[in-house]
Structures are given as structure tokens and as C-alpha cells.
Amino acid sequence: MRFRNRRSGGFSDGWVWLFSAWLVALAATLGALFIGEVMGQAPCNLCWFQRVFMFPLAVILGIAAFAGDLRVGRYALPLAILGWLIALYHSLLYLKLIPSPIQPCGAGPSCSGEGMTILGGIPLPLISLAAFTSIAALITLSHRRSDP
């Protein structure tokens, strides 16, 4: 198996970081599906765009982790960064730190209601931003810590 460290026989540091990135992406994907399909909360427009980048990450990082492909950063990191940019914009709108020419959480589905917070009131846009930040950092660590 390519994700084993040749010297110690254990898992390589790079693989552990990659596996952790997959776990974060998987948890975010399952959480979004739970909120949408089980709780019946329709996502707002910006949440949809974030899902477009998060859902493939769960698949790509899972395949890469179990195949031992530590070069996954080449194609997964751009997805994580684009999702992060949308999540950052969404979070800044949510926190009213930037003016909004459109209301992404206004008419129609909204993620600004009380039911759209978890862990004692943390809003979903900030959770998404944290997930994309973690994934990008873990992918970067996996690339830097891979065996030569």
C-alpha cells in the first residue's frame, strides 16, 4: 500500500492529513444532506454553490486517501479554495460586514433563521467556512508531509 511509511511500516504523515481532510469533507457533505433532506431545510443560493464544491471533495478525497494519492492537492485544492471564497463571501454577508446587492438569504430558502444554526448558535455559513478552511489546510499539510 502506498500510504504506508516505508521506514516505520506505519501510516505516512501525508496520508493521515489526507484522510483527515476526507473526514471533514464527508462530515460536511453528510451534514448538508441531513439538513436538506431529513430536516427539510432548503439551502439558499450561496449554500447551493458551496455544495457544488464540497460534495465532489468528499468523493475525490476519499478515493485519493484509499488509493494513497498524496498528489490530490493538484485537483482538490482548487475546489477547496473556490468553495472557501464563496463561504467567505456568504459569511461576510451573513455577519453584515459587507453590503449586499442581492439577498442570498432573503426571499425563498434562507439560512439566516434560528433553525439554521448548530452547536449552540453557530450559523451554517461560518461552519462551511471552517470546513473549507480545514480541508484546504489539511490538503496542504498532506502535500508537504508526503514521503519522498
N, C-alpha and C. Protein backbone atom coordinates (compact mmCIF):
# COMPACT_ATOMS: atom_id res chain seq x y z
N MET A 1 0.84 -1.18 0.00
CA MET A 1 0.00 0.00 0.00
C MET A 1 0.88 1.23 0.00
N ARG A 2 0.51 2.19 -0.83
CA ARG A 2 1.34 3.37 -0.97
C ARG A 2 1.24 4.34 0.19
N PHE A 3 0.21 4.23 1.03
CA PHE A 3 0.09 5.18 2.12
C PHE A 3 0.82 4.73 3.38
N ARG A 4 1.54 3.65 3.30
CA ARG A 4 2.36 3.20 4.42
C ARG A 4 3.73 3.86 4.35
N ASN A 5 4.27 4.17 5.49
CA ASN A 5 5.60 4.74 5.57
C ASN A 5 6.61 3.61 5.39
N ARG A 6 7.52 3.77 4.46
CA ARG A 6 8.48 2.70 4.17
C ARG A 6 9.43 2.41 5.33
N ARG A 7 9.78 3.44 6.07
CA ARG A 7 10.75 3.27 7.16
C ARG A 7 10.12 2.65 8.40
N SER A 8 8.97 3.13 8.83
CA SER A 8 8.40 2.66 10.09
C SER A 8 7.34 1.58 9.90
N GLY A 9 6.81 1.45 8.70
CA GLY A 9 5.75 0.48 8.47
C GLY A 9 4.37 1.02 8.82
N GLY A 10 4.29 2.19 9.50
CA GLY A 10 3.00 2.80 9.85
C GLY A 10 2.51 3.70 8.74
N PHE A 11 1.45 4.38 9.02
CA PHE A 11 0.89 5.30 8.02
C PHE A 11 1.77 6.53 7.90
N SER A 12 1.92 7.05 6.68
CA SER A 12 2.72 8.25 6.48
C SER A 12 1.95 9.45 7.01
N ASP A 13 2.68 10.50 7.41
CA ASP A 13 2.05 11.72 7.90
C ASP A 13 1.14 12.32 6.83
N GLY A 14 1.61 12.31 5.59
CA GLY A 14 0.82 12.87 4.49
C GLY A 14 -0.52 12.17 4.34
N TRP A 15 -0.50 10.85 4.47
CA TRP A 15 -1.75 10.10 4.33
C TRP A 15 -2.72 10.42 5.47
N VAL A 16 -2.21 10.59 6.68
CA VAL A 16 -3.06 10.90 7.83
C VAL A 16 -3.75 12.25 7.61
N TRP A 17 -3.00 13.24 7.12
CA TRP A 17 -3.61 14.56 6.84
C TRP A 17 -4.65 14.45 5.73
N LEU A 18 -4.35 13.68 4.70
CA LEU A 18 -5.29 13.50 3.60
C LEU A 18 -6.56 12.80 4.08
N PHE A 19 -6.41 11.76 4.87
CA PHE A 19 -7.56 11.05 5.43
C PHE A 19 -8.40 11.99 6.30
N SER A 20 -7.74 12.85 7.06
CA SER A 20 -8.45 13.82 7.90
C SER A 20 -9.24 14.81 7.05
N ALA A 21 -8.64 15.25 5.93
CA ALA A 21 -9.36 16.16 5.02
C ALA A 21 -10.60 15.47 4.47
N TRP A 22 -10.47 14.18 4.14
CA TRP A 22 -11.63 13.44 3.64
C TRP A 22 -12.72 13.36 4.72
N LEU A 23 -12.34 13.11 5.97
CA LEU A 23 -13.32 13.03 7.04
C LEU A 23 -14.08 14.35 7.22
N VAL A 24 -13.37 15.47 7.10
CA VAL A 24 -14.03 16.78 7.21
C VAL A 24 -15.00 16.97 6.05
N ALA A 25 -14.56 16.67 4.83
CA ALA A 25 -15.43 16.81 3.66
C ALA A 25 -16.64 15.89 3.75
N LEU A 26 -16.42 14.67 4.23
CA LEU A 26 -17.51 13.72 4.37
C LEU A 26 -18.52 14.20 5.42
N ALA A 27 -18.03 14.68 6.55
CA ALA A 27 -18.92 15.20 7.59
C ALA A 27 -19.72 16.40 7.10
N ALA A 28 -19.07 17.30 6.36
CA ALA A 28 -19.77 18.48 5.83
C ALA A 28 -20.82 18.07 4.81
N THR A 29 -20.49 17.11 3.97
CA THR A 29 -21.44 16.64 2.96
C THR A 29 -22.63 15.95 3.62
N LEU A 30 -22.37 15.06 4.55
CA LEU A 30 -23.46 14.37 5.24
C LEU A 30 -24.30 15.34 6.07
N GLY A 31 -23.66 16.34 6.66
CA GLY A 31 -24.40 17.36 7.41
C GLY A 31 -25.31 18.17 6.51
N ALA A 32 -24.81 18.57 5.34
CA ALA A 32 -25.64 19.33 4.39
C ALA A 32 -26.80 18.49 3.89
N LEU A 33 -26.54 17.22 3.62
CA LEU A 33 -27.63 16.33 3.18
C LEU A 33 -28.65 16.11 4.29
N PHE A 34 -28.20 15.98 5.53
CA PHE A 34 -29.12 15.81 6.66
C PHE A 34 -30.01 17.04 6.81
N ILE A 35 -29.41 18.23 6.77
CA ILE A 35 -30.18 19.46 6.93
C ILE A 35 -31.19 19.62 5.79
N GLY A 36 -30.77 19.29 4.58
CA GLY A 36 -31.67 19.46 3.43
C GLY A 36 -32.71 18.37 3.31
N GLU A 37 -32.30 17.11 3.44
CA GLU A 37 -33.21 16.00 3.16
C GLU A 37 -33.98 15.52 4.37
N VAL A 38 -33.37 15.51 5.55
CA VAL A 38 -34.04 15.00 6.74
C VAL A 38 -34.81 16.12 7.45
N MET A 39 -34.12 17.25 7.65
CA MET A 39 -34.77 18.37 8.33
C MET A 39 -35.69 19.15 7.39
N GLY A 40 -35.52 18.98 6.09
CA GLY A 40 -36.38 19.66 5.12
C GLY A 40 -36.07 21.13 4.92
N GLN A 41 -34.87 21.57 5.28
CA GLN A 41 -34.48 22.97 5.11
C GLN A 41 -33.81 23.14 3.75
N ALA A 42 -34.45 23.90 2.87
CA ALA A 42 -33.88 24.14 1.55
C ALA A 42 -32.71 25.12 1.67
N PRO A 43 -31.61 24.86 0.99
CA PRO A 43 -30.46 25.78 1.06
C PRO A 43 -30.69 27.05 0.25
N CYS A 44 -30.06 28.13 0.69
CA CYS A 44 -30.13 29.37 -0.08
C CYS A 44 -29.20 29.25 -1.30
N ASN A 45 -29.19 30.27 -2.14
CA ASN A 45 -28.39 30.22 -3.36
C ASN A 45 -26.90 30.03 -3.08
N LEU A 46 -26.36 30.78 -2.13
CA LEU A 46 -24.93 30.66 -1.84
C LEU A 46 -24.61 29.31 -1.20
N CYS A 47 -25.53 28.75 -0.44
CA CYS A 47 -25.31 27.41 0.12
C CYS A 47 -25.24 26.37 -1.01
N TRP A 48 -26.07 26.54 -2.03
CA TRP A 48 -26.02 25.63 -3.18
C TRP A 48 -24.65 25.67 -3.84
N PHE A 49 -24.12 26.87 -4.04
CA PHE A 49 -22.82 26.99 -4.69
C PHE A 49 -21.73 26.34 -3.84
N GLN A 50 -21.83 26.45 -2.53
CA GLN A 50 -20.84 25.81 -1.66
C GLN A 50 -20.94 24.29 -1.74
N ARG A 51 -22.16 23.79 -1.88
CA ARG A 51 -22.35 22.35 -2.03
C ARG A 51 -21.72 21.85 -3.32
N VAL A 52 -21.76 22.66 -4.37
CA VAL A 52 -21.16 22.28 -5.65
C VAL A 52 -19.68 21.98 -5.49
N PHE A 53 -19.02 22.66 -4.57
CA PHE A 53 -17.59 22.42 -4.34
C PHE A 53 -17.32 21.40 -3.24
N MET A 54 -18.21 21.29 -2.26
CA MET A 54 -17.97 20.36 -1.14
C MET A 54 -18.27 18.91 -1.53
N PHE A 55 -19.37 18.66 -2.20
CA PHE A 55 -19.75 17.28 -2.50
C PHE A 55 -18.70 16.53 -3.30
N PRO A 56 -18.12 17.13 -4.36
CA PRO A 56 -17.06 16.40 -5.08
C PRO A 56 -15.82 16.18 -4.22
N LEU A 57 -15.54 17.10 -3.30
CA LEU A 57 -14.38 16.92 -2.43
C LEU A 57 -14.50 15.65 -1.59
N ALA A 58 -15.71 15.35 -1.13
CA ALA A 58 -15.91 14.14 -0.33
C ALA A 58 -15.57 12.90 -1.15
N VAL A 59 -15.90 12.90 -2.42
CA VAL A 59 -15.61 11.75 -3.29
C VAL A 59 -14.14 11.72 -3.67
N ILE A 60 -13.62 12.84 -4.14
CA ILE A 60 -12.22 12.91 -4.62
C ILE A 60 -11.23 12.59 -3.50
N LEU A 61 -11.44 13.20 -2.33
CA LEU A 61 -10.51 12.97 -1.22
C LEU A 61 -10.61 11.55 -0.69
N GLY A 62 -11.80 10.97 -0.70
CA GLY A 62 -11.95 9.58 -0.28
C GLY A 62 -11.22 8.62 -1.20
N ILE A 63 -11.39 8.82 -2.49
CA ILE A 63 -10.69 7.97 -3.47
C ILE A 63 -9.18 8.14 -3.33
N ALA A 64 -8.73 9.39 -3.21
CA ALA A 64 -7.29 9.66 -3.11
C ALA A 64 -6.71 9.07 -1.82
N ALA A 65 -7.45 9.17 -0.72
CA ALA A 65 -6.94 8.65 0.55
C ALA A 65 -6.78 7.14 0.49
N PHE A 66 -7.75 6.44 -0.06
CA PHE A 66 -7.66 4.99 -0.08
C PHE A 66 -6.79 4.46 -1.20
N ALA A 67 -6.48 5.31 -2.19
CA ALA A 67 -5.53 4.93 -3.23
C ALA A 67 -4.11 5.37 -2.87
N GLY A 68 -3.99 6.16 -1.81
CA GLY A 68 -2.67 6.64 -1.40
C GLY A 68 -2.11 7.71 -2.32
N ASP A 69 -2.99 8.47 -2.98
CA ASP A 69 -2.57 9.51 -3.92
C ASP A 69 -2.37 10.82 -3.17
N LEU A 70 -1.15 11.07 -2.74
CA LEU A 70 -0.85 12.29 -2.00
C LEU A 70 -0.68 13.49 -2.91
N ARG A 71 -0.81 13.30 -4.20
CA ARG A 71 -0.75 14.42 -5.15
C ARG A 71 -2.14 14.98 -5.43
N VAL A 72 -3.12 14.60 -4.63
CA VAL A 72 -4.50 15.01 -4.82
C VAL A 72 -4.67 16.53 -4.72
N GLY A 73 -3.74 17.19 -4.07
CA GLY A 73 -3.82 18.64 -3.93
C GLY A 73 -3.90 19.38 -5.25
N ARG A 74 -3.34 18.80 -6.28
CA ARG A 74 -3.38 19.43 -7.60
C ARG A 74 -4.79 19.68 -8.09
N TYR A 75 -5.68 18.75 -7.80
CA TYR A 75 -7.05 18.91 -8.30
C TYR A 75 -8.07 19.12 -7.19
N ALA A 76 -7.75 18.83 -5.95
CA ALA A 76 -8.70 19.06 -4.85
C ALA A 76 -8.55 20.44 -4.22
N LEU A 77 -7.33 20.94 -4.16
CA LEU A 77 -7.12 22.24 -3.53
C LEU A 77 -7.84 23.37 -4.27
N PRO A 78 -7.85 23.40 -5.61
CA PRO A 78 -8.64 24.45 -6.28
C PRO A 78 -10.13 24.39 -5.93
N LEU A 79 -10.70 23.20 -5.79
CA LEU A 79 -12.10 23.08 -5.38
C LEU A 79 -12.30 23.65 -3.98
N ALA A 80 -11.39 23.31 -3.07
CA ALA A 80 -11.50 23.79 -1.70
C ALA A 80 -11.35 25.31 -1.63
N ILE A 81 -10.46 25.87 -2.42
CA ILE A 81 -10.25 27.32 -2.40
C ILE A 81 -11.46 28.06 -2.99
N LEU A 82 -12.01 27.56 -4.08
CA LEU A 82 -13.20 28.20 -4.66
C LEU A 82 -14.38 28.12 -3.69
N GLY A 83 -14.57 26.97 -3.07
CA GLY A 83 -15.62 26.83 -2.06
C GLY A 83 -15.38 27.76 -0.89
N TRP A 84 -14.13 27.90 -0.48
CA TRP A 84 -13.77 28.79 0.62
C TRP A 84 -14.11 30.23 0.29
N LEU A 85 -13.83 30.66 -0.94
CA LEU A 85 -14.13 32.04 -1.34
C LEU A 85 -15.64 32.31 -1.28
N ILE A 86 -16.44 31.36 -1.74
CA ILE A 86 -17.89 31.53 -1.68
C ILE A 86 -18.36 31.53 -0.22
N ALA A 87 -17.80 30.64 0.59
CA ALA A 87 -18.17 30.59 2.01
C ALA A 87 -17.76 31.86 2.73
N LEU A 88 -16.61 32.43 2.38
CA LEU A 88 -16.16 33.69 2.98
C LEU A 88 -17.12 34.81 2.63
N TYR A 89 -17.47 34.91 1.35
CA TYR A 89 -18.42 35.93 0.90
C TYR A 89 -19.76 35.76 1.61
N HIS A 90 -20.24 34.53 1.69
CA HIS A 90 -21.50 34.24 2.36
C HIS A 90 -21.45 34.61 3.84
N SER A 91 -20.35 34.29 4.50
CA SER A 91 -20.19 34.61 5.92
C SER A 91 -20.17 36.12 6.15
N LEU A 92 -19.45 36.83 5.29
CA LEU A 92 -19.39 38.29 5.42
C LEU A 92 -20.75 38.92 5.19
N LEU A 93 -21.52 38.38 4.25
CA LEU A 93 -22.90 38.86 4.05
C LEU A 93 -23.76 38.55 5.26
N TYR A 94 -23.63 37.33 5.76
CA TYR A 94 -24.42 36.90 6.91
C TYR A 94 -24.15 37.78 8.14
N LEU A 95 -22.88 38.10 8.36
CA LEU A 95 -22.50 38.92 9.50
C LEU A 95 -22.70 40.41 9.26
N LYS A 96 -23.20 40.75 8.05
CA LYS A 96 -23.46 42.13 7.65
C LYS A 96 -22.20 42.99 7.68
N LEU A 97 -21.06 42.39 7.33
CA LEU A 97 -19.81 43.12 7.26
C LEU A 97 -19.58 43.74 5.89
N ILE A 98 -20.30 43.25 4.89
CA ILE A 98 -20.26 43.85 3.56
C ILE A 98 -21.71 44.06 3.11
N PRO A 99 -21.95 45.12 2.32
CA PRO A 99 -23.31 45.35 1.84
C PRO A 99 -23.69 44.31 0.80
N SER A 100 -24.96 44.04 0.72
CA SER A 100 -25.45 43.00 -0.18
C SER A 100 -26.28 43.61 -1.30
N PRO A 101 -25.81 43.50 -2.57
CA PRO A 101 -26.63 43.96 -3.69
C PRO A 101 -27.82 43.02 -3.91
N ILE A 102 -27.68 41.77 -3.49
CA ILE A 102 -28.77 40.80 -3.56
C ILE A 102 -28.93 40.21 -2.18
N GLN A 103 -30.04 39.62 -1.91
CA GLN A 103 -30.28 38.97 -0.63
C GLN A 103 -30.22 37.46 -0.81
N PRO A 104 -29.06 36.84 -0.59
CA PRO A 104 -28.97 35.40 -0.79
C PRO A 104 -29.81 34.62 0.21
N CYS A 105 -30.03 35.20 1.37
CA CYS A 105 -30.81 34.52 2.41
C CYS A 105 -32.11 35.26 2.67
N GLY A 106 -32.62 35.96 1.67
CA GLY A 106 -33.85 36.73 1.84
C GLY A 106 -35.05 35.94 1.39
N ALA A 107 -35.61 36.32 0.25
CA ALA A 107 -36.80 35.65 -0.27
C ALA A 107 -36.46 34.21 -0.64
N GLY A 108 -37.38 33.33 -0.38
CA GLY A 108 -37.15 31.91 -0.67
C GLY A 108 -36.42 31.25 0.48
N PRO A 109 -35.68 30.18 0.18
CA PRO A 109 -34.94 29.49 1.24
C PRO A 109 -33.94 30.42 1.92
N SER A 110 -33.81 30.26 3.21
CA SER A 110 -32.91 31.13 3.96
C SER A 110 -32.10 30.32 4.96
N CYS A 111 -30.85 30.69 5.11
CA CYS A 111 -30.01 30.05 6.12
C CYS A 111 -29.81 30.98 7.30
N SER A 112 -30.60 32.05 7.36
CA SER A 112 -30.42 33.02 8.44
C SER A 112 -31.41 32.85 9.57
N GLY A 113 -32.25 31.83 9.52
CA GLY A 113 -33.22 31.60 10.58
C GLY A 113 -32.60 30.91 11.78
N GLU A 114 -33.36 30.86 12.87
CA GLU A 114 -32.87 30.22 14.09
C GLU A 114 -32.62 28.73 13.91
N GLY A 115 -33.42 28.10 13.06
CA GLY A 115 -33.26 26.67 12.83
C GLY A 115 -32.04 26.31 12.01
N MET A 116 -31.33 27.29 11.52
CA MET A 116 -30.18 27.04 10.67
C MET A 116 -28.87 27.34 11.39
N THR A 117 -28.85 27.04 12.68
CA THR A 117 -27.62 27.13 13.46
C THR A 117 -27.42 25.79 14.16
N ILE A 118 -26.17 25.49 14.47
CA ILE A 118 -25.88 24.25 15.20
C ILE A 118 -24.86 24.56 16.29
N LEU A 119 -24.66 23.61 17.16
CA LEU A 119 -23.69 23.72 18.25
C LEU A 119 -23.88 24.98 19.08
N GLY A 120 -25.11 25.25 19.45
CA GLY A 120 -25.37 26.38 20.33
C GLY A 120 -25.46 27.72 19.64
N GLY A 121 -25.76 27.74 18.37
CA GLY A 121 -25.98 29.02 17.69
C GLY A 121 -24.96 29.40 16.64
N ILE A 122 -24.10 28.49 16.22
CA ILE A 122 -23.13 28.82 15.18
C ILE A 122 -23.85 28.73 13.83
N PRO A 123 -23.85 29.82 13.05
CA PRO A 123 -24.56 29.81 11.77
C PRO A 123 -23.88 28.92 10.73
N LEU A 124 -24.69 28.36 9.85
CA LEU A 124 -24.17 27.45 8.83
C LEU A 124 -23.12 28.08 7.91
N PRO A 125 -23.25 29.35 7.50
CA PRO A 125 -22.18 29.91 6.66
C PRO A 125 -20.80 29.87 7.33
N LEU A 126 -20.76 30.09 8.64
CA LEU A 126 -19.47 30.04 9.34
C LEU A 126 -18.96 28.61 9.47
N ILE A 127 -19.87 27.65 9.63
CA ILE A 127 -19.47 26.24 9.68
C ILE A 127 -18.87 25.84 8.34
N SER A 128 -19.51 26.28 7.25
CA SER A 128 -19.00 25.96 5.92
C SER A 128 -17.61 26.58 5.71
N LEU A 129 -17.44 27.82 6.13
CA LEU A 129 -16.14 28.47 6.01
C LEU A 129 -15.07 27.71 6.80
N ALA A 130 -15.41 27.26 8.00
CA ALA A 130 -14.47 26.48 8.80
C ALA A 130 -14.13 25.15 8.13
N ALA A 131 -15.13 24.51 7.53
CA ALA A 131 -14.89 23.22 6.86
C ALA A 131 -13.96 23.40 5.67
N PHE A 132 -14.22 24.39 4.82
CA PHE A 132 -13.35 24.62 3.67
C PHE A 132 -11.95 25.03 4.11
N THR A 133 -11.84 25.82 5.17
CA THR A 133 -10.52 26.21 5.69
C THR A 133 -9.75 24.98 6.16
N SER A 134 -10.43 24.12 6.91
CA SER A 134 -9.78 22.90 7.41
C SER A 134 -9.33 21.99 6.28
N ILE A 135 -10.19 21.81 5.29
CA ILE A 135 -9.86 20.94 4.17
C ILE A 135 -8.66 21.47 3.41
N ALA A 136 -8.66 22.77 3.11
CA ALA A 136 -7.52 23.35 2.38
C ALA A 136 -6.23 23.21 3.19
N ALA A 137 -6.29 23.46 4.48
CA ALA A 137 -5.10 23.33 5.32
C ALA A 137 -4.62 21.88 5.38
N LEU A 138 -5.54 20.94 5.53
CA LEU A 138 -5.15 19.53 5.62
C LEU A 138 -4.59 19.02 4.29
N ILE A 139 -5.15 19.46 3.18
CA ILE A 139 -4.60 19.07 1.87
C ILE A 139 -3.19 19.61 1.72
N THR A 140 -2.99 20.86 2.13
CA THR A 140 -1.66 21.46 2.05
C THR A 140 -0.67 20.70 2.93
N LEU A 141 -1.10 20.34 4.14
CA LEU A 141 -0.23 19.57 5.03
C LEU A 141 0.09 18.19 4.45
N SER A 142 -0.89 17.56 3.83
CA SER A 142 -0.65 16.22 3.26
C SER A 142 0.37 16.30 2.14
N HIS A 143 0.32 17.37 1.37
CA HIS A 143 1.27 17.52 0.27
C HIS A 143 2.67 17.78 0.80
N ARG A 144 2.78 18.60 1.82
CA ARG A 144 4.10 18.95 2.39
C ARG A 144 4.70 17.82 3.19
N ARG A 145 3.88 16.95 3.78
CA ARG A 145 4.39 15.89 4.65
C ARG A 145 4.49 14.54 3.97
N SER A 146 4.28 14.53 2.65
CA SER A 146 4.33 13.23 1.95
C SER A 146 5.77 12.72 1.90
N ASP A 147 5.89 11.43 1.84
CA ASP A 147 7.22 10.81 1.75
C ASP A 147 7.84 11.09 0.40
N PRO A 148 9.16 11.22 0.33
CA PRO A 148 9.82 11.47 -0.97
C PRO A 148 9.74 10.28 -1.90
